[in-house]
């Protein structure tokens, strides 16, 4: 009789353990909702490339103006050596030729009909006039480029601001969905699993109490025998 009671207790405890093992928490998987921002990033890259191009043009323009300014200042240097005017004529003419500015063909006749000093002065005056026009044109271009650069920078800042707002909203929507999923599914499942756990604990406690009762009865029976 005692062995039958012990076997029955072991079977009941084994069944209770299987019930507890079967109550495993379920994993919650959520794939985040993402937005396709490739087009927005492409626009940003194009604007960045345009800004870089404008900066390079501005740098080249400032360099050309600086070179021209230095060359003009050298012309009026009191320590000029003999023949410096001839060198200025060549330098300025090369500068004008690179930018499409060529003196009139009558300059050759002027060179033949006047002395060398007066001829150099006339050529320098004409070159200075053309250089002044180029400088004014470059100055206007520089102003337009700067205005365009400021416009592109403002547009880029606006795009970045909208992009940040869109990303923030996307994250807020994702967080809200995760919160709803957690509150609507995970918490109820955890509560249900905890209730099952408590019920299993109560059943185990009942079995343990019953086992203690049988054990006490067995001791009494052994004493009487």
C-alpha atoms as a PDB file:
ATOM      1  CA  UNK A   1       0.000   0.000   0.000  1.00  0.00           C
ATOM      2  CA  UNK A   2       2.814   2.420   0.899  1.00  0.00           C
ATOM      3  CA  UNK A   3       4.613   1.824  -2.418  1.00  0.00           C
ATOM      4  CA  UNK A   4       1.402   2.441  -4.399  1.00  0.00           C
ATOM      5  CA  UNK A   5       0.863   5.758  -2.651  1.00  0.00           C
ATOM      6  CA  UNK A   6       4.473   6.858  -3.373  1.00  0.00           C
ATOM      7  CA  UNK A   7       4.151   5.923  -7.065  1.00  0.00           C
ATOM      8  CA  UNK A   8       0.908   7.898  -7.318  1.00  0.00           C
ATOM      9  CA  UNK A   9       2.593  10.963  -5.752  1.00  0.00           C
ATOM     10  CA  UNK A  10       5.529  10.737  -8.190  1.00  0.00           C
ATOM     11  CA  UNK A  11       3.182  10.552 -11.198  1.00  0.00           C
ATOM     12  CA  UNK A  12       1.226  13.596  -9.994  1.00  0.00           C
ATOM     13  CA  UNK A  13       4.419  15.603  -9.422  1.00  0.00           C
ATOM     14  CA  UNK A  14       5.710  14.636 -12.903  1.00  0.00           C
ATOM     15  CA  UNK A  15       2.476  15.791 -14.547  1.00  0.00           C
ATOM     16  CA  UNK A  16       2.637  19.106 -12.683  1.00  0.00           C
ATOM     17  CA  UNK A  17       6.228  19.653 -13.888  1.00  0.00           C
ATOM     18  CA  UNK A  18       5.172  19.013 -17.492  1.00  0.00           C
ATOM     19  CA  UNK A  19       2.387  21.582 -17.169  1.00  0.00           C
ATOM     20  CA  UNK A  20       4.879  24.198 -15.937  1.00  0.00           C
ATOM     21  CA  UNK A  21       7.361  23.419 -18.752  1.00  0.00           C
ATOM     22  CA  UNK A  22       4.622  23.792 -21.381  1.00  0.00           C
ATOM     23  CA  UNK A  23       3.860  27.356 -20.229  1.00  0.00           C
ATOM     24  CA  UNK A  24       6.722  29.024 -22.121  1.00  0.00           C
ATOM     25  CA  UNK A  25       6.489  32.761 -22.971  1.00  0.00           C
ATOM     26  CA  UNK A  26       5.852  33.553 -26.635  1.00  0.00           C
ATOM     27  CA  UNK A  27       8.230  35.867 -28.434  1.00  0.00           C
ATOM     28  CA  UNK A  28       6.867  39.099 -29.842  1.00  0.00           C
ATOM     29  CA  UNK A  29       8.331  40.039 -33.215  1.00  0.00           C
ATOM     30  CA  UNK A  30       7.670  43.320 -34.910  1.00  0.00           C
ATOM     31  CA  UNK A  31       9.257  44.582 -38.067  1.00  0.00           C
ATOM     32  CA  UNK A  32       9.751  48.374 -37.853  1.00  0.00           C
ATOM     33  CA  UNK A  33       7.899  50.476 -40.410  1.00  0.00           C
ATOM     34  CA  UNK A  34      10.413  52.413 -42.443  1.00  0.00           C
ATOM     35  CA  UNK A  35       9.884  55.052 -45.100  1.00  0.00           C
ATOM     36  CA  UNK A  36      11.656  55.239 -48.440  1.00  0.00           C
ATOM     37  CA  UNK A  37      13.755  58.394 -48.190  1.00  0.00           C
ATOM     38  CA  UNK A  38      16.112  57.612 -51.086  1.00  0.00           C
ATOM     39  CA  UNK A  39      14.663  60.393 -53.261  1.00  0.00           C
ATOM     40  CA  UNK A  40      15.098  62.927 -50.472  1.00  0.00           C
ATOM     41  CA  UNK A  41      18.708  61.825 -49.924  1.00  0.00           C
ATOM     42  CA  UNK A  42      19.330  62.089 -53.678  1.00  0.00           C
ATOM     43  CA  UNK A  43      18.142  65.712 -53.694  1.00  0.00           C
ATOM     44  CA  UNK A  44      20.368  66.482 -50.737  1.00  0.00           C
ATOM     45  CA  UNK A  45      23.384  64.968 -52.518  1.00  0.00           C
ATOM     46  CA  UNK A  46      22.647  67.031 -55.665  1.00  0.00           C
ATOM     47  CA  UNK A  47      22.420  70.208 -53.626  1.00  0.00           C
ATOM     48  CA  UNK A  48      25.670  69.404 -51.840  1.00  0.00           C
ATOM     49  CA  UNK A  49      27.419  68.827 -55.184  1.00  0.00           C
ATOM     50  CA  UNK A  50      26.066  72.136 -56.524  1.00  0.00           C
ATOM     51  CA  UNK A  51      27.238  73.955 -53.407  1.00  0.00           C
ATOM     52  CA  UNK A  52      30.707  72.457 -53.789  1.00  0.00           C
ATOM     53  CA  UNK A  53      30.819  73.501 -57.467  1.00  0.00           C
ATOM     54  CA  UNK A  54      29.798  77.053 -56.585  1.00  0.00           C
ATOM     55  CA  UNK A  55      32.446  77.241 -53.884  1.00  0.00           C
ATOM     56  CA  UNK A  56      35.130  76.082 -56.339  1.00  0.00           C
ATOM     57  CA  UNK A  57      34.041  78.685 -58.915  1.00  0.00           C
ATOM     58  CA  UNK A  58      34.079  81.378 -56.267  1.00  0.00           C
ATOM     59  CA  UNK A  59      37.554  80.323 -55.159  1.00  0.00           C
ATOM     60  CA  UNK A  60      38.861  80.371 -58.748  1.00  0.00           C
ATOM     61  CA  UNK A  61      37.295  83.777 -59.366  1.00  0.00           C
ATOM     62  CA  UNK A  62      38.847  85.257 -56.247  1.00  0.00           C
ATOM     63  CA  UNK A  63      42.199  83.803 -57.252  1.00  0.00           C
ATOM     64  CA  UNK A  64      41.988  85.370 -60.743  1.00  0.00           C
ATOM     65  CA  UNK A  65      41.043  88.748 -59.284  1.00  0.00           C
ATOM     66  CA  UNK A  66      43.881  88.516 -56.782  1.00  0.00           C
ATOM     67  CA  UNK A  67      46.398  87.721 -59.513  1.00  0.00           C
ATOM     68  CA  UNK A  68      45.113  90.572 -61.631  1.00  0.00           C
ATOM     69  CA  UNK A  69      45.241  92.966 -58.689  1.00  0.00           C
ATOM     70  CA  UNK A  70      48.838  92.024 -57.948  1.00  0.00           C
ATOM     71  CA  UNK A  71      49.822  92.486 -61.567  1.00  0.00           C
ATOM     72  CA  UNK A  72      48.150  95.898 -61.712  1.00  0.00           C
ATOM     73  CA  UNK A  73      49.789  97.011 -58.473  1.00  0.00           C
ATOM     74  CA  UNK A  74      53.198  95.997 -59.790  1.00  0.00           C
ATOM     75  CA  UNK A  75      52.735  98.350 -62.737  1.00  0.00           C
ATOM     76  CA  UNK A  76      52.797 101.388 -60.472  1.00  0.00           C
ATOM     77  CA  UNK A  77      55.676 100.192 -58.346  1.00  0.00           C
ATOM     78  CA  UNK A  78      58.342 102.919 -58.225  1.00  0.00           C
ATOM     79  CA  UNK A  79      61.100 100.343 -58.175  1.00  0.00           C
ATOM     80  CA  UNK A  80      60.177  98.974 -61.604  1.00  0.00           C
ATOM     81  CA  UNK A  81      63.149  98.010 -63.714  1.00  0.00           C
ATOM     82  CA  UNK A  82      63.611  99.070 -67.295  1.00  0.00           C
ATOM     83  CA  UNK A  83      61.403  97.160 -69.690  1.00  0.00           C
ATOM     84  CA  UNK A  84      58.805  96.393 -67.008  1.00  0.00           C
ATOM     85  CA  UNK A  85      56.058  98.036 -69.117  1.00  0.00           C
ATOM     86  CA  UNK A  86      56.804  95.623 -71.942  1.00  0.00           C
ATOM     87  CA  UNK A  87      56.420  92.728 -69.523  1.00  0.00           C
ATOM     88  CA  UNK A  88      53.109  94.170 -68.298  1.00  0.00           C
ATOM     89  CA  UNK A  89      51.859  94.404 -71.866  1.00  0.00           C
ATOM     90  CA  UNK A  90      52.645  90.736 -72.452  1.00  0.00           C
ATOM     91  CA  UNK A  91      51.141  89.612 -69.131  1.00  0.00           C
ATOM     92  CA  UNK A  92      47.924  91.595 -69.544  1.00  0.00           C
ATOM     93  CA  UNK A  93      47.541  90.560 -73.165  1.00  0.00           C
ATOM     94  CA  UNK A  94      47.907  86.884 -72.234  1.00  0.00           C
ATOM     95  CA  UNK A  95      45.327  87.379 -69.519  1.00  0.00           C
ATOM     96  CA  UNK A  96      42.932  88.994 -72.021  1.00  0.00           C
ATOM     97  CA  UNK A  97      43.556  86.334 -74.658  1.00  0.00           C
ATOM     98  CA  UNK A  98      42.620  83.593 -72.196  1.00  0.00           C
ATOM     99  CA  UNK A  99      39.295  85.355 -71.628  1.00  0.00           C
ATOM    100  CA  UNK A 100      38.547  86.275 -75.224  1.00  0.00           C
ATOM    101  CA  UNK A 101      39.611  89.916 -74.993  1.00  0.00           C
ATOM    102  CA  UNK A 102      41.782  90.914 -77.988  1.00  0.00           C
ATOM    103  CA  UNK A 103      42.935  94.409 -78.903  1.00  0.00           C
ATOM    104  CA  UNK A 104      41.971  95.949 -82.237  1.00  0.00           C
ATOM    105  CA  UNK A 105      44.099  95.260 -85.278  1.00  0.00           C
ATOM    106  CA  UNK A 106      44.872  98.973 -85.547  1.00  0.00           C
ATOM    107  CA  UNK A 107      47.263  98.577 -82.656  1.00  0.00           C
ATOM    108  CA  UNK A 108      49.927  97.303 -85.041  1.00  0.00           C
ATOM    109  CA  UNK A 109      49.685 100.506 -87.067  1.00  0.00           C
ATOM    110  CA  UNK A 110      49.920 102.538 -83.893  1.00  0.00           C
ATOM    111  CA  UNK A 111      53.095 100.718 -82.982  1.00  0.00           C
ATOM    112  CA  UNK A 112      54.642 101.653 -86.315  1.00  0.00           C
ATOM    113  CA  UNK A 113      53.512 105.315 -86.334  1.00  0.00           C
ATOM    114  CA  UNK A 114      54.440 106.286 -82.767  1.00  0.00           C
ATOM    115  CA  UNK A 115      57.449 105.964 -80.576  1.00  0.00           C
ATOM    116  CA  UNK A 116      57.858 102.926 -78.320  1.00  0.00           C
ATOM    117  CA  UNK A 117      57.033 104.676 -75.008  1.00  0.00           C
ATOM    118  CA  UNK A 118      53.809 106.270 -76.247  1.00  0.00           C
ATOM    119  CA  UNK A 119      52.823 103.022 -77.943  1.00  0.00           C
ATOM    120  CA  UNK A 120      53.232 101.064 -74.702  1.00  0.00           C
ATOM    121  CA  UNK A 121      51.147 103.631 -72.847  1.00  0.00           C
ATOM    122  CA  UNK A 122      48.310 103.405 -75.385  1.00  0.00           C
ATOM    123  CA  UNK A 123      48.353  99.621 -75.264  1.00  0.00           C
ATOM    124  CA  UNK A 124      48.336  99.623 -71.464  1.00  0.00           C
ATOM    125  CA  UNK A 125      45.382 102.028 -71.390  1.00  0.00           C
ATOM    126  CA  UNK A 126      43.390  99.824 -73.728  1.00  0.00           C
ATOM    127  CA  UNK A 127      44.332  96.767 -71.759  1.00  0.00           C
ATOM    128  CA  UNK A 128      43.359  98.483 -68.518  1.00  0.00           C
ATOM    129  CA  UNK A 129      39.966  99.343 -69.985  1.00  0.00           C
ATOM    130  CA  UNK A 130      39.382  95.753 -71.020  1.00  0.00           C
ATOM    131  CA  UNK A 131      40.620  94.502 -67.645  1.00  0.00           C
ATOM    132  CA  UNK A 132      38.227  96.889 -65.916  1.00  0.00           C
ATOM    133  CA  UNK A 133      35.322  95.496 -67.937  1.00  0.00           C
ATOM    134  CA  UNK A 134      36.390  91.929 -67.123  1.00  0.00           C
ATOM    135  CA  UNK A 135      36.695  92.840 -63.459  1.00  0.00           C
ATOM    136  CA  UNK A 136      33.194  94.344 -63.411  1.00  0.00           C
ATOM    137  CA  UNK A 137      31.799  91.294 -65.190  1.00  0.00           C
ATOM    138  CA  UNK A 138      33.530  88.941 -62.770  1.00  0.00           C
ATOM    139  CA  UNK A 139      32.286  91.027 -59.841  1.00  0.00           C
ATOM    140  CA  UNK A 140      28.696  90.737 -61.059  1.00  0.00           C
ATOM    141  CA  UNK A 141      29.167  87.013 -61.623  1.00  0.00           C
ATOM    142  CA  UNK A 142      30.630  86.693 -58.155  1.00  0.00           C
ATOM    143  CA  UNK A 143      27.596  88.456 -56.669  1.00  0.00           C
ATOM    144  CA  UNK A 144      25.186  86.251 -58.610  1.00  0.00           C
ATOM    145  CA  UNK A 145      27.093  83.138 -57.573  1.00  0.00           C
ATOM    146  CA  UNK A 146      27.056  84.223 -53.947  1.00  0.00           C
ATOM    147  CA  UNK A 147      23.305  84.859 -54.092  1.00  0.00           C
ATOM    148  CA  UNK A 148      22.762  81.465 -55.689  1.00  0.00           C
ATOM    149  CA  UNK A 149      24.973  79.862 -53.064  1.00  0.00           C
ATOM    150  CA  UNK A 150      22.942  81.453 -50.268  1.00  0.00           C
ATOM    151  CA  UNK A 151      19.729  80.301 -51.934  1.00  0.00           C
ATOM    152  CA  UNK A 152      21.005  76.735 -52.199  1.00  0.00           C
ATOM    153  CA  UNK A 153      22.166  76.777 -48.587  1.00  0.00           C
ATOM    154  CA  UNK A 154      18.730  77.969 -47.452  1.00  0.00           C
ATOM    155  CA  UNK A 155      17.045  75.312 -49.587  1.00  0.00           C
ATOM    156  CA  UNK A 156      19.351  72.640 -48.201  1.00  0.00           C
ATOM    157  CA  UNK A 157      18.614  73.722 -44.634  1.00  0.00           C
ATOM    158  CA  UNK A 158      14.882  73.599 -45.358  1.00  0.00           C
ATOM    159  CA  UNK A 159      15.159  70.117 -46.855  1.00  0.00           C
ATOM    160  CA  UNK A 160      17.198  68.890 -43.895  1.00  0.00           C
ATOM    161  CA  UNK A 161      14.613  70.366 -41.518  1.00  0.00           C
ATOM    162  CA  UNK A 162      11.749  68.589 -43.298  1.00  0.00           C
ATOM    163  CA  UNK A 163      13.799  65.404 -43.392  1.00  0.00           C
ATOM    164  CA  UNK A 164      14.384  65.545 -39.655  1.00  0.00           C
ATOM    165  CA  UNK A 165      10.676  66.151 -39.033  1.00  0.00           C
ATOM    166  CA  UNK A 166       9.733  63.171 -41.231  1.00  0.00           C
ATOM    167  CA  UNK A 167      12.242  60.895 -39.507  1.00  0.00           C
ATOM    168  CA  UNK A 168      11.031  62.048 -36.082  1.00  0.00           C
ATOM    169  CA  UNK A 169       7.409  61.388 -37.019  1.00  0.00           C
ATOM    170  CA  UNK A 170       8.332  57.974 -38.389  1.00  0.00           C
ATOM    171  CA  UNK A 171      10.069  57.079 -35.127  1.00  0.00           C
ATOM    172  CA  UNK A 172       7.144  58.365 -33.080  1.00  0.00           C
ATOM    173  CA  UNK A 173       4.679  56.263 -35.108  1.00  0.00           C
ATOM    174  CA  UNK A 174       6.886  53.194 -34.728  1.00  0.00           C
ATOM    175  CA  UNK A 175       7.242  53.705 -30.973  1.00  0.00           C
ATOM    176  CA  UNK A 176       3.481  54.166 -30.604  1.00  0.00           C
ATOM    177  CA  UNK A 177       2.799  50.948 -32.514  1.00  0.00           C
ATOM    178  CA  UNK A 178       5.306  49.065 -30.376  1.00  0.00           C
ATOM    179  CA  UNK A 179       3.674  50.466 -27.240  1.00  0.00           C
ATOM    180  CA  UNK A 180       0.202  49.430 -28.449  1.00  0.00           C
ATOM    181  CA  UNK A 181       1.492  45.987 -29.376  1.00  0.00           C
ATOM    182  CA  UNK A 182       3.135  45.584 -25.995  1.00  0.00           C
ATOM    183  CA  UNK A 183       0.157  46.826 -23.983  1.00  0.00           C
ATOM    184  CA  UNK A 184      -2.382  44.930 -26.088  1.00  0.00           C
ATOM    185  CA  UNK A 185      -0.626  41.572 -26.389  1.00  0.00           C
ATOM    186  CA  UNK A 186       2.428  41.166 -24.218  1.00  0.00           C
ATOM    187  CA  UNK A 187       0.996  42.371 -20.905  1.00  0.00           C
ATOM    188  CA  UNK A 188      -2.194  40.242 -21.162  1.00  0.00           C
ATOM    189  CA  UNK A 189      -0.083  37.204 -22.075  1.00  0.00           C
ATOM    190  CA  UNK A 190       2.232  37.816 -19.151  1.00  0.00           C
ATOM    191  CA  UNK A 191      -0.766  38.163 -16.831  1.00  0.00           C
ATOM    192  CA  UNK A 192      -2.270  34.927 -18.148  1.00  0.00           C
ATOM    193  CA  UNK A 193       1.018  33.070 -17.786  1.00  0.00           C
ATOM    194  CA  UNK A 194       1.428  34.388 -14.250  1.00  0.00           C
ATOM    195  CA  UNK A 195      -2.075  33.223 -13.339  1.00  0.00           C
ATOM    196  CA  UNK A 196      -1.300  29.776 -14.730  1.00  0.00           C
ATOM    197  CA  UNK A 197       1.914  29.782 -12.745  1.00  0.00           C
ATOM    198  CA  UNK A 198       0.043  30.633  -9.543  1.00  0.00           C
ATOM    199  CA  UNK A 199      -2.505  27.917 -10.248  1.00  0.00           C
ATOM    200  CA  UNK A 200       0.282  25.403 -10.786  1.00  0.00           C
ATOM    201  CA  UNK A 201       1.925  26.509  -7.557  1.00  0.00           C
ATOM    202  CA  UNK A 202      -1.353  26.026  -5.730  1.00  0.00           C
ATOM    203  CA  UNK A 203      -1.770  22.570  -7.259  1.00  0.00           C
ATOM    204  CA  UNK A 204       1.762  21.644  -6.277  1.00  0.00           C
ATOM    205  CA  UNK A 205       1.115  22.901  -2.761  1.00  0.00           C
ATOM    206  CA  UNK A 206      -2.023  20.770  -2.584  1.00  0.00           C
ATOM    207  CA  UNK A 207      -0.060  17.754  -3.787  1.00  0.00           C
ATOM    208  CA  UNK A 208       2.625  18.422  -1.203  1.00  0.00           C
ATOM    209  CA  UNK A 209      -0.004  18.706   1.534  1.00  0.00           C
ATOM    210  CA  UNK A 210      -1.588  15.492   0.324  1.00  0.00           C
ATOM    211  CA  UNK A 211       1.813  13.832   0.260  1.00  0.00           C
ATOM    212  CA  UNK A 212       2.488  14.912   3.830  1.00  0.00           C
ATOM    213  CA  UNK A 213      -0.896  13.519   4.853  1.00  0.00           C
ATOM    214  CA  UNK A 214      -0.164  10.157   3.201  1.00  0.00           C
ATOM    215  CA  UNK A 215       3.267  10.116   4.769  1.00  0.00           C
ATOM    216  CA  UNK A 216       1.736  10.698   8.188  1.00  0.00           C
ATOM    217  CA  UNK A 217      -0.789   7.919   7.592  1.00  0.00           C
ATOM    218  CA  UNK A 218       1.997   5.572   6.543  1.00  0.00           C
ATOM    219  CA  UNK A 219       3.908   6.318   9.700  1.00  0.00           C
ATOM    220  CA  UNK A 220       0.781   5.614  11.761  1.00  0.00           C
ATOM    221  CA  UNK A 221       0.215   2.358   9.908  1.00  0.00           C
ATOM    222  CA  UNK A 222       3.832   1.315  10.421  1.00  0.00           C
ATOM    223  CA  UNK A 223       3.599   2.068  14.136  1.00  0.00           C
ATOM    224  CA  UNK A 224       0.423  -0.015  14.524  1.00  0.00           C
ATOM    225  CA  UNK A 225       1.958  -2.869  12.611  1.00  0.00           C
END
